[in-house]
C-alpha cells in the first residue's frame, strides 16, 4: 500500500524525484520557460506556486524557506526583487502555463513547454464589462443600417415610386439623400427636377460614348486625315526655315 506517498511516479526513487523537481523549479525561475515531460511539468506546479507565495509575503521567514528549498541565495534574491517590483501582484494564483508540443520521438512521451505567466491580470469584472460593451456595440450597429433603409423607403414613397428596387427609384433616392446630406430641404418639384437632370446627364454620357465608339473605318479615316495635316504642316515649317537660312546667307555675303 502507498500510504503517505502522494504524487506521481516519475520512474525514480524518492531522493532522485525530489532533486529533479527542485532542479526543474530552479530552471523555470532562471529561464522563465522550460521544455519537459507533461507529468513532470504538472508535478512541479505546486512548488512553483509555493515559492511565488513566499516571495509575495516578502518576510525573512519566507525568504529562508525559499533558500532552503532552492538552495540558491542569488536566485531567491532575484525572485523576491521581481515580486517586490510588482510581478504577480495582481494575480491571485495560476502563475504557470503549460503548452503541449506532442509526443517525443523514441519513447512517445508527451512533451510540453512550461512558462511563467508574467502578463498583467485583468479582473473578471473588467473583462465582463468589456464583453458587455462589445455586445452592445454589435447590437447597435444593425439599428443604424435599419434606420438608413427606412429613410430610403420614406424618400421613395415621397417621390411617388410604387415598385421597389427599380433603377429610377434608386437614382431618385440617391439624389435625394445627397441633397439631404448637404443640409437642403427639397420640394416635390425640386425632387423631380433633380431626377430629370440626372437622367439627362446619363443620356448625354451614353451619347458621347456611342459617338467615340462609332464605325472603326471612319475612325481610321479621321486618324489618317490628322496625320496628313500634321505632315503638311511640318513640310511648310521646314520650307520657311530653309528660306530664312538662305536670306541670312545672302546678307552675310
C-alpha atoms as a PDB file:
ATOM      1  CA  UNK A   1       0.000   0.000   0.000  1.00  0.00           C
ATOM      2  CA  UNK A   2       1.253   3.506  -0.872  1.00  0.00           C
ATOM      3  CA  UNK A   3       0.461   5.200   2.402  1.00  0.00           C
ATOM      4  CA  UNK A   4       1.870   8.768   2.673  1.00  0.00           C
ATOM      5  CA  UNK A   5       3.238   8.508  -0.849  1.00  0.00           C
ATOM      6  CA  UNK A   6       1.115  11.061  -2.724  1.00  0.00           C
ATOM      7  CA  UNK A   7       2.140  12.392  -6.122  1.00  0.00           C
ATOM      8  CA  UNK A   8       3.074  10.911  -9.471  1.00  0.00           C
ATOM      9  CA  UNK A   9       5.515   8.087 -10.020  1.00  0.00           C
ATOM     10  CA  UNK A  10       8.199   9.587 -12.232  1.00  0.00           C
ATOM     11  CA  UNK A  11      10.237   6.419 -12.647  1.00  0.00           C
ATOM     12  CA  UNK A  12      12.794   7.232  -9.940  1.00  0.00           C
ATOM     13  CA  UNK A  13      13.207   6.802  -6.189  1.00  0.00           C
ATOM     14  CA  UNK A  14      12.211   9.434  -3.632  1.00  0.00           C
ATOM     15  CA  UNK A  15      15.525  11.275  -3.333  1.00  0.00           C
ATOM     16  CA  UNK A  16      16.040  11.389  -7.110  1.00  0.00           C
ATOM     17  CA  UNK A  17      12.475  12.669  -7.653  1.00  0.00           C
ATOM     18  CA  UNK A  18      12.949  15.386  -5.010  1.00  0.00           C
ATOM     19  CA  UNK A  19      16.213  16.597  -6.554  1.00  0.00           C
ATOM     20  CA  UNK A  20      14.772  16.512 -10.080  1.00  0.00           C
ATOM     21  CA  UNK A  21      11.729  18.602  -9.102  1.00  0.00           C
ATOM     22  CA  UNK A  22      13.956  21.137  -7.328  1.00  0.00           C
ATOM     23  CA  UNK A  23      16.186  21.373 -10.408  1.00  0.00           C
ATOM     24  CA  UNK A  24      13.199  21.909 -12.721  1.00  0.00           C
ATOM     25  CA  UNK A  25      11.779  24.665 -10.480  1.00  0.00           C
ATOM     26  CA  UNK A  26      15.159  26.443 -10.411  1.00  0.00           C
ATOM     27  CA  UNK A  27      15.489  26.179 -14.199  1.00  0.00           C
ATOM     28  CA  UNK A  28      11.983  27.626 -14.655  1.00  0.00           C
ATOM     29  CA  UNK A  29      12.756  30.682 -12.497  1.00  0.00           C
ATOM     30  CA  UNK A  30      16.106  31.210 -14.234  1.00  0.00           C
ATOM     31  CA  UNK A  31      14.849  30.987 -17.833  1.00  0.00           C
ATOM     32  CA  UNK A  32      11.101  31.834 -17.472  1.00  0.00           C
ATOM     33  CA  UNK A  33      10.298  28.704 -19.540  1.00  0.00           C
ATOM     34  CA  UNK A  34      11.424  25.093 -19.799  1.00  0.00           C
ATOM     35  CA  UNK A  35      10.731  22.098 -22.053  1.00  0.00           C
ATOM     36  CA  UNK A  36       9.971  18.872 -20.217  1.00  0.00           C
ATOM     37  CA  UNK A  37       7.607  15.895 -19.965  1.00  0.00           C
ATOM     38  CA  UNK A  38       3.960  16.685 -19.207  1.00  0.00           C
ATOM     39  CA  UNK A  39       3.827  14.644 -15.989  1.00  0.00           C
ATOM     40  CA  UNK A  40       6.925  16.414 -14.575  1.00  0.00           C
ATOM     41  CA  UNK A  41       5.552  19.844 -15.508  1.00  0.00           C
ATOM     42  CA  UNK A  42       2.255  19.130 -13.723  1.00  0.00           C
ATOM     43  CA  UNK A  43       4.136  17.777 -10.718  1.00  0.00           C
ATOM     44  CA  UNK A  44       6.259  20.920 -10.140  1.00  0.00           C
ATOM     45  CA  UNK A  45       3.384  23.425 -10.457  1.00  0.00           C
ATOM     46  CA  UNK A  46       2.570  23.383  -6.705  1.00  0.00           C
ATOM     47  CA  UNK A  47       6.230  24.022  -5.824  1.00  0.00           C
ATOM     48  CA  UNK A  48       6.427  26.993  -8.218  1.00  0.00           C
ATOM     49  CA  UNK A  49       3.253  28.499  -6.741  1.00  0.00           C
ATOM     50  CA  UNK A  50       4.610  27.966  -3.230  1.00  0.00           C
ATOM     51  CA  UNK A  51       7.860  29.831  -3.977  1.00  0.00           C
ATOM     52  CA  UNK A  52       5.981  32.772  -5.520  1.00  0.00           C
ATOM     53  CA  UNK A  53       3.662  32.901  -2.487  1.00  0.00           C
ATOM     54  CA  UNK A  54       6.713  33.113  -0.223  1.00  0.00           C
ATOM     55  CA  UNK A  55       8.061  35.938  -2.406  1.00  0.00           C
ATOM     56  CA  UNK A  56       4.725  37.790  -2.093  1.00  0.00           C
ATOM     57  CA  UNK A  57       4.946  37.624   1.678  1.00  0.00           C
ATOM     58  CA  UNK A  58       8.478  39.002   1.490  1.00  0.00           C
ATOM     59  CA  UNK A  59       9.396  38.494   5.168  1.00  0.00           C
ATOM     60  CA  UNK A  60      12.586  36.916   6.483  1.00  0.00           C
ATOM     61  CA  UNK A  61      10.990  33.585   7.328  1.00  0.00           C
ATOM     62  CA  UNK A  62       9.595  33.209   3.798  1.00  0.00           C
ATOM     63  CA  UNK A  63      12.983  34.090   2.327  1.00  0.00           C
ATOM     64  CA  UNK A  64      14.667  31.406   4.452  1.00  0.00           C
ATOM     65  CA  UNK A  65      12.072  28.817   3.374  1.00  0.00           C
ATOM     66  CA  UNK A  66      12.727  29.640  -0.295  1.00  0.00           C
ATOM     67  CA  UNK A  67      16.503  29.382   0.199  1.00  0.00           C
ATOM     68  CA  UNK A  68      16.074  26.028   1.956  1.00  0.00           C
ATOM     69  CA  UNK A  69      14.038  24.694  -0.937  1.00  0.00           C
ATOM     70  CA  UNK A  70      16.005  26.071  -3.931  1.00  0.00           C
ATOM     71  CA  UNK A  71      19.487  26.045  -2.347  1.00  0.00           C
ATOM     72  CA  UNK A  72      20.391  29.213  -4.305  1.00  0.00           C
ATOM     73  CA  UNK A  73      20.525  32.546  -2.442  1.00  0.00           C
ATOM     74  CA  UNK A  74      21.122  34.608  -5.591  1.00  0.00           C
ATOM     75  CA  UNK A  75      18.121  33.093  -7.393  1.00  0.00           C
ATOM     76  CA  UNK A  76      15.907  33.664  -4.357  1.00  0.00           C
ATOM     77  CA  UNK A  77      17.051  37.301  -4.175  1.00  0.00           C
ATOM     78  CA  UNK A  78      16.114  37.843  -7.853  1.00  0.00           C
ATOM     79  CA  UNK A  79      12.694  36.241  -7.385  1.00  0.00           C
ATOM     80  CA  UNK A  80      11.889  38.333  -4.305  1.00  0.00           C
ATOM     81  CA  UNK A  81      13.054  41.550  -6.042  1.00  0.00           C
ATOM     82  CA  UNK A  82      10.895  40.897  -9.127  1.00  0.00           C
ATOM     83  CA  UNK A  83       7.842  40.214  -6.990  1.00  0.00           C
ATOM     84  CA  UNK A  84       8.528  43.309  -4.877  1.00  0.00           C
ATOM     85  CA  UNK A  85       8.630  45.401  -8.097  1.00  0.00           C
ATOM     86  CA  UNK A  86       5.082  44.315  -8.981  1.00  0.00           C
ATOM     87  CA  UNK A  87       5.300  40.958 -10.773  1.00  0.00           C
ATOM     88  CA  UNK A  88       2.403  38.616  -9.913  1.00  0.00           C
ATOM     89  CA  UNK A  89       0.885  41.184  -7.529  1.00  0.00           C
ATOM     90  CA  UNK A  90      -2.454  41.405  -9.378  1.00  0.00           C
ATOM     91  CA  UNK A  91      -2.624  37.626  -9.971  1.00  0.00           C
ATOM     92  CA  UNK A  92      -4.107  35.547  -7.130  1.00  0.00           C
ATOM     93  CA  UNK A  93      -2.819  32.224  -8.487  1.00  0.00           C
ATOM     94  CA  UNK A  94      -2.085  30.256 -11.637  1.00  0.00           C
ATOM     95  CA  UNK A  95       1.453  31.540 -12.105  1.00  0.00           C
ATOM     96  CA  UNK A  96       2.410  28.942 -14.751  1.00  0.00           C
ATOM     97  CA  UNK A  97       1.224  27.996 -18.226  1.00  0.00           C
ATOM     98  CA  UNK A  98       1.633  24.588 -19.928  1.00  0.00           C
ATOM     99  CA  UNK A  99       1.581  24.328 -23.752  1.00  0.00           C
ATOM    100  CA  UNK A 100       1.564  20.873 -25.315  1.00  0.00           C
ATOM    101  CA  UNK A 101       4.088  20.060 -28.071  1.00  0.00           C
ATOM    102  CA  UNK A 102       3.087  16.497 -28.933  1.00  0.00           C
ATOM    103  CA  UNK A 103       4.810  13.143 -28.418  1.00  0.00           C
ATOM    104  CA  UNK A 104       8.594  12.794 -28.259  1.00  0.00           C
ATOM    105  CA  UNK A 105      10.382  10.632 -30.814  1.00  0.00           C
ATOM    106  CA  UNK A 106      11.612   7.361 -29.378  1.00  0.00           C
ATOM    107  CA  UNK A 107       9.516   6.726 -26.257  1.00  0.00           C
ATOM    108  CA  UNK A 108       6.430   8.733 -27.413  1.00  0.00           C
ATOM    109  CA  UNK A 109       6.371  10.718 -24.154  1.00  0.00           C
ATOM    110  CA  UNK A 110       4.090  13.800 -24.269  1.00  0.00           C
ATOM    111  CA  UNK A 111       6.275  16.922 -24.313  1.00  0.00           C
ATOM    112  CA  UNK A 112       5.245  20.401 -23.138  1.00  0.00           C
ATOM    113  CA  UNK A 113       6.618  23.902 -22.683  1.00  0.00           C
ATOM    114  CA  UNK A 114       6.085  25.299 -19.197  1.00  0.00           C
ATOM    115  CA  UNK A 115       6.454  29.045 -18.659  1.00  0.00           C
ATOM    116  CA  UNK A 116       5.737  31.722 -16.081  1.00  0.00           C
ATOM    117  CA  UNK A 117       2.671  33.895 -16.714  1.00  0.00           C
ATOM    118  CA  UNK A 118       4.075  37.426 -16.482  1.00  0.00           C
ATOM    119  CA  UNK A 119       1.240  39.294 -18.256  1.00  0.00           C
ATOM    120  CA  UNK A 120      -0.875  41.642 -16.105  1.00  0.00           C
ATOM    121  CA  UNK A 121      -4.059  40.006 -14.854  1.00  0.00           C
ATOM    122  CA  UNK A 122      -7.337  41.680 -15.920  1.00  0.00           C
ATOM    123  CA  UNK A 123     -10.005  41.367 -13.195  1.00  0.00           C
ATOM    124  CA  UNK A 124     -13.104  39.357 -14.041  1.00  0.00           C
ATOM    125  CA  UNK A 125     -15.401  42.367 -13.544  1.00  0.00           C
ATOM    126  CA  UNK A 126     -13.440  44.428 -16.089  1.00  0.00           C
ATOM    127  CA  UNK A 127     -13.477  41.570 -18.627  1.00  0.00           C
ATOM    128  CA  UNK A 128     -17.228  41.185 -18.158  1.00  0.00           C
ATOM    129  CA  UNK A 129     -17.805  44.934 -18.613  1.00  0.00           C
ATOM    130  CA  UNK A 130     -15.692  44.973 -21.800  1.00  0.00           C
ATOM    131  CA  UNK A 131     -17.597  41.982 -23.196  1.00  0.00           C
ATOM    132  CA  UNK A 132     -20.948  43.634 -22.440  1.00  0.00           C
ATOM    133  CA  UNK A 133     -19.801  46.862 -24.088  1.00  0.00           C
ATOM    134  CA  UNK A 134     -18.700  44.976 -27.198  1.00  0.00           C
ATOM    135  CA  UNK A 135     -22.011  43.099 -27.369  1.00  0.00           C
ATOM    136  CA  UNK A 136     -23.942  46.368 -27.020  1.00  0.00           C
ATOM    137  CA  UNK A 137     -21.917  47.898 -29.866  1.00  0.00           C
ATOM    138  CA  UNK A 138     -22.708  44.899 -32.091  1.00  0.00           C
ATOM    139  CA  UNK A 139     -26.414  45.193 -31.309  1.00  0.00           C
ATOM    140  CA  UNK A 140     -26.405  48.932 -32.044  1.00  0.00           C
ATOM    141  CA  UNK A 141     -24.736  48.550 -35.470  1.00  0.00           C
ATOM    142  CA  UNK A 142     -27.701  46.910 -37.320  1.00  0.00           C
ATOM    143  CA  UNK A 143     -30.066  49.593 -35.999  1.00  0.00           C
ATOM    144  CA  UNK A 144     -28.188  52.269 -37.945  1.00  0.00           C
ATOM    145  CA  UNK A 145     -28.483  50.238 -41.137  1.00  0.00           C
ATOM    146  CA  UNK A 146     -32.179  49.661 -40.497  1.00  0.00           C
ATOM    147  CA  UNK A 147     -32.723  53.384 -39.923  1.00  0.00           C
ATOM    148  CA  UNK A 148     -30.988  54.178 -43.216  1.00  0.00           C
ATOM    149  CA  UNK A 149     -33.156  51.615 -45.052  1.00  0.00           C
ATOM    150  CA  UNK A 150     -36.329  53.049 -43.508  1.00  0.00           C
ATOM    151  CA  UNK A 151     -35.230  56.544 -44.542  1.00  0.00           C
ATOM    152  CA  UNK A 152     -34.631  55.357 -48.129  1.00  0.00           C
ATOM    153  CA  UNK A 153     -38.103  53.780 -48.239  1.00  0.00           C
ATOM    154  CA  UNK A 154     -39.660  57.021 -46.987  1.00  0.00           C
ATOM    155  CA  UNK A 155     -37.828  59.008 -49.669  1.00  0.00           C
ATOM    156  CA  UNK A 156     -39.031  56.567 -52.335  1.00  0.00           C
ATOM    157  CA  UNK A 157     -42.621  56.936 -51.162  1.00  0.00           C
ATOM    158  CA  UNK A 158     -42.288  60.731 -51.179  1.00  0.00           C
ATOM    159  CA  UNK A 159     -41.021  60.610 -54.773  1.00  0.00           C
ATOM    160  CA  UNK A 160     -44.053  58.531 -55.790  1.00  0.00           C
ATOM    161  CA  UNK A 161     -42.405  55.187 -56.661  1.00  0.00           C
ATOM    162  CA  UNK A 162     -44.512  52.072 -56.150  1.00  0.00           C
ATOM    163  CA  UNK A 163     -42.148  49.286 -57.293  1.00  0.00           C
ATOM    164  CA  UNK A 164     -39.108  48.553 -55.104  1.00  0.00           C
ATOM    165  CA  UNK A 165     -35.597  48.242 -56.491  1.00  0.00           C
ATOM    166  CA  UNK A 166     -36.140  49.902 -59.910  1.00  0.00           C
ATOM    167  CA  UNK A 167     -33.373  51.930 -61.497  1.00  0.00           C
ATOM    168  CA  UNK A 168     -35.419  55.142 -61.392  1.00  0.00           C
ATOM    169  CA  UNK A 169     -36.196  54.642 -57.713  1.00  0.00           C
ATOM    170  CA  UNK A 170     -32.561  54.012 -56.799  1.00  0.00           C
ATOM    171  CA  UNK A 171     -31.374  57.071 -58.748  1.00  0.00           C
ATOM    172  CA  UNK A 172     -34.049  59.296 -57.244  1.00  0.00           C
ATOM    173  CA  UNK A 173     -33.344  58.106 -53.703  1.00  0.00           C
ATOM    174  CA  UNK A 174     -29.572  58.617 -54.147  1.00  0.00           C
ATOM    175  CA  UNK A 175     -30.111  62.137 -55.427  1.00  0.00           C
ATOM    176  CA  UNK A 176     -32.492  62.955 -52.594  1.00  0.00           C
ATOM    177  CA  UNK A 177     -30.114  61.570 -49.969  1.00  0.00           C
ATOM    178  CA  UNK A 178     -27.211  63.553 -51.425  1.00  0.00           C
ATOM    179  CA  UNK A 179     -29.183  66.778 -51.193  1.00  0.00           C
ATOM    180  CA  UNK A 180     -30.399  65.906 -47.696  1.00  0.00           C
ATOM    181  CA  UNK A 181     -26.819  65.318 -46.526  1.00  0.00           C
ATOM    182  CA  UNK A 182     -25.858  68.770 -47.773  1.00  0.00           C
ATOM    183  CA  UNK A 183     -28.486  70.225 -45.452  1.00  0.00           C
ATOM    184  CA  UNK A 184     -31.032  71.380 -48.050  1.00  0.00           C
ATOM    185  CA  UNK A 185     -34.767  70.637 -47.951  1.00  0.00           C
ATOM    186  CA  UNK A 186     -36.322  69.651 -51.293  1.00  0.00           C
ATOM    187  CA  UNK A 187     -39.806  70.285 -52.518  1.00  0.00           C
ATOM    188  CA  UNK A 188     -41.633  67.882 -54.856  1.00  0.00           C
ATOM    189  CA  UNK A 189     -40.785  69.981 -57.930  1.00  0.00           C
ATOM    190  CA  UNK A 190     -37.088  70.112 -56.945  1.00  0.00           C
ATOM    191  CA  UNK A 191     -37.010  66.340 -56.428  1.00  0.00           C
ATOM    192  CA  UNK A 192     -38.479  65.723 -59.888  1.00  0.00           C
ATOM    193  CA  UNK A 193     -36.064  68.250 -61.402  1.00  0.00           C
ATOM    194  CA  UNK A 194     -33.093  66.526 -59.765  1.00  0.00           C
ATOM    195  CA  UNK A 195     -34.172  63.172 -61.179  1.00  0.00           C
ATOM    196  CA  UNK A 196     -34.602  64.635 -64.670  1.00  0.00           C
ATOM    197  CA  UNK A 197     -31.180  66.318 -64.528  1.00  0.00           C
ATOM    198  CA  UNK A 198     -29.538  63.063 -63.556  1.00  0.00           C
ATOM    199  CA  UNK A 199     -31.282  61.217 -66.390  1.00  0.00           C
ATOM    200  CA  UNK A 200     -30.203  63.913 -68.893  1.00  0.00           C
ATOM    201  CA  UNK A 201     -26.577  63.644 -67.721  1.00  0.00           C
ATOM    202  CA  UNK A 202     -26.617  59.876 -68.134  1.00  0.00           C
ATOM    203  CA  UNK A 203     -28.147  60.148 -71.619  1.00  0.00           C
ATOM    204  CA  UNK A 204     -25.512  62.684 -72.690  1.00  0.00           C
ATOM    205  CA  UNK A 205     -22.702  60.495 -71.345  1.00  0.00           C
ATOM    206  CA  UNK A 206     -24.132  57.496 -73.217  1.00  0.00           C
ATOM    207  CA  UNK A 207     -24.349  59.536 -76.446  1.00  0.00           C
ATOM    208  CA  UNK A 208     -20.727  60.648 -76.118  1.00  0.00           C
ATOM    209  CA  UNK A 209     -19.579  57.069 -75.643  1.00  0.00           C
ATOM    210  CA  UNK A 210     -21.510  55.998 -78.746  1.00  0.00           C
ATOM    211  CA  UNK A 211     -20.004  58.847 -80.798  1.00  0.00           C
ATOM    212  CA  UNK A 212     -16.485  57.957 -79.720  1.00  0.00           C
ATOM    213  CA  UNK A 213     -17.107  54.234 -80.284  1.00  0.00           C
ATOM    214  CA  UNK A 214     -18.542  54.834 -83.870  1.00  0.00           C
ATOM    215  CA  UNK A 215     -17.530  52.954 -87.044  1.00  0.00           C
ATOM    216  CA  UNK A 216     -13.880  51.777 -86.993  1.00  0.00           C
ATOM    217  CA  UNK A 217     -13.437  52.715 -90.702  1.00  0.00           C
ATOM    218  CA  UNK A 218     -14.450  56.301 -90.031  1.00  0.00           C
ATOM    219  CA  UNK A 219     -12.170  56.481 -87.032  1.00  0.00           C
ATOM    220  CA  UNK A 220      -9.246  55.229 -89.129  1.00  0.00           C
ATOM    221  CA  UNK A 221     -10.079  57.765 -91.840  1.00  0.00           C
ATOM    222  CA  UNK A 222     -10.085  60.609 -89.325  1.00  0.00           C
ATOM    223  CA  UNK A 223      -6.717  59.487 -87.960  1.00  0.00           C
ATOM    224  CA  UNK A 224      -5.261  59.372 -91.488  1.00  0.00           C
ATOM    225  CA  UNK A 225      -6.518  62.906 -92.216  1.00  0.00           C
ATOM    226  CA  UNK A 226      -4.976  64.144 -88.986  1.00  0.00           C
ATOM    227  CA  UNK A 227      -1.654  62.529 -89.887  1.00  0.00           C
ATOM    228  CA  UNK A 228      -1.692  64.113 -93.385  1.00  0.00           C
ATOM    229  CA  UNK A 229      -2.442  67.552 -91.922  1.00  0.00           C
ATOM    230  CA  UNK A 230       0.447  67.225 -89.461  1.00  0.00           C
ATOM    231  CA  UNK A 231       2.817  66.119 -92.255  1.00  0.00           C
ATOM    232  CA  UNK A 232       1.818  69.100 -94.447  1.00  0.00           C
ATOM    233  CA  UNK A 233       2.363  71.448 -91.558  1.00  0.00           C
ATOM    234  CA  UNK A 234       5.839  70.030 -90.936  1.00  0.00           C
ATOM    235  CA  UNK A 235       6.718  70.490 -94.653  1.00  0.00           C
ATOM    236  CA  UNK A 236       5.612  74.126 -94.554  1.00  0.00           C
ATOM    237  CA  UNK A 237       7.657  74.856 -91.449  1.00  0.00           C
ATOM    238  CA  UNK A 238      10.738  73.219 -92.971  1.00  0.00           C
ATOM    239  CA  UNK A 239      10.385  75.320 -96.165  1.00  0.00           C
ATOM    240  CA  UNK A 240      10.036  78.515 -94.146  1.00  0.00           C
ATOM    241  CA  UNK A 241      13.147  77.657 -92.124  1.00  0.00           C
ATOM    242  CA  UNK A 242      15.113  76.928 -95.329  1.00  0.00           C
ATOM    243  CA  UNK A 243      14.081  80.269 -96.860  1.00  0.00           C
ATOM    244  CA  UNK A 244      15.180  82.144 -93.748  1.00  0.00           C
ATOM    245  CA  UNK A 245      18.550  80.393 -93.790  1.00  0.00           C
ATOM    246  CA  UNK A 246      19.081  81.393 -97.455  1.00  0.00           C
ATOM    247  CA  UNK A 247      18.250  85.046 -96.654  1.00  0.00           C
ATOM    248  CA  UNK A 248      20.731  85.001 -93.790  1.00  0.00           C
ATOM    249  CA  UNK A 249      23.462  83.608 -96.080  1.00  0.00           C
ATOM    250  CA  UNK A 250      22.825  86.335 -98.682  1.00  0.00           C
ATOM    251  CA  UNK A 251      23.085  89.083 -96.064  1.00  0.00           C
ATOM    252  CA  UNK A 252      26.327  87.700 -94.717  1.00  0.00           C
ATOM    253  CA  UNK A 253      27.893  87.694 -98.201  1.00  0.00           C
END
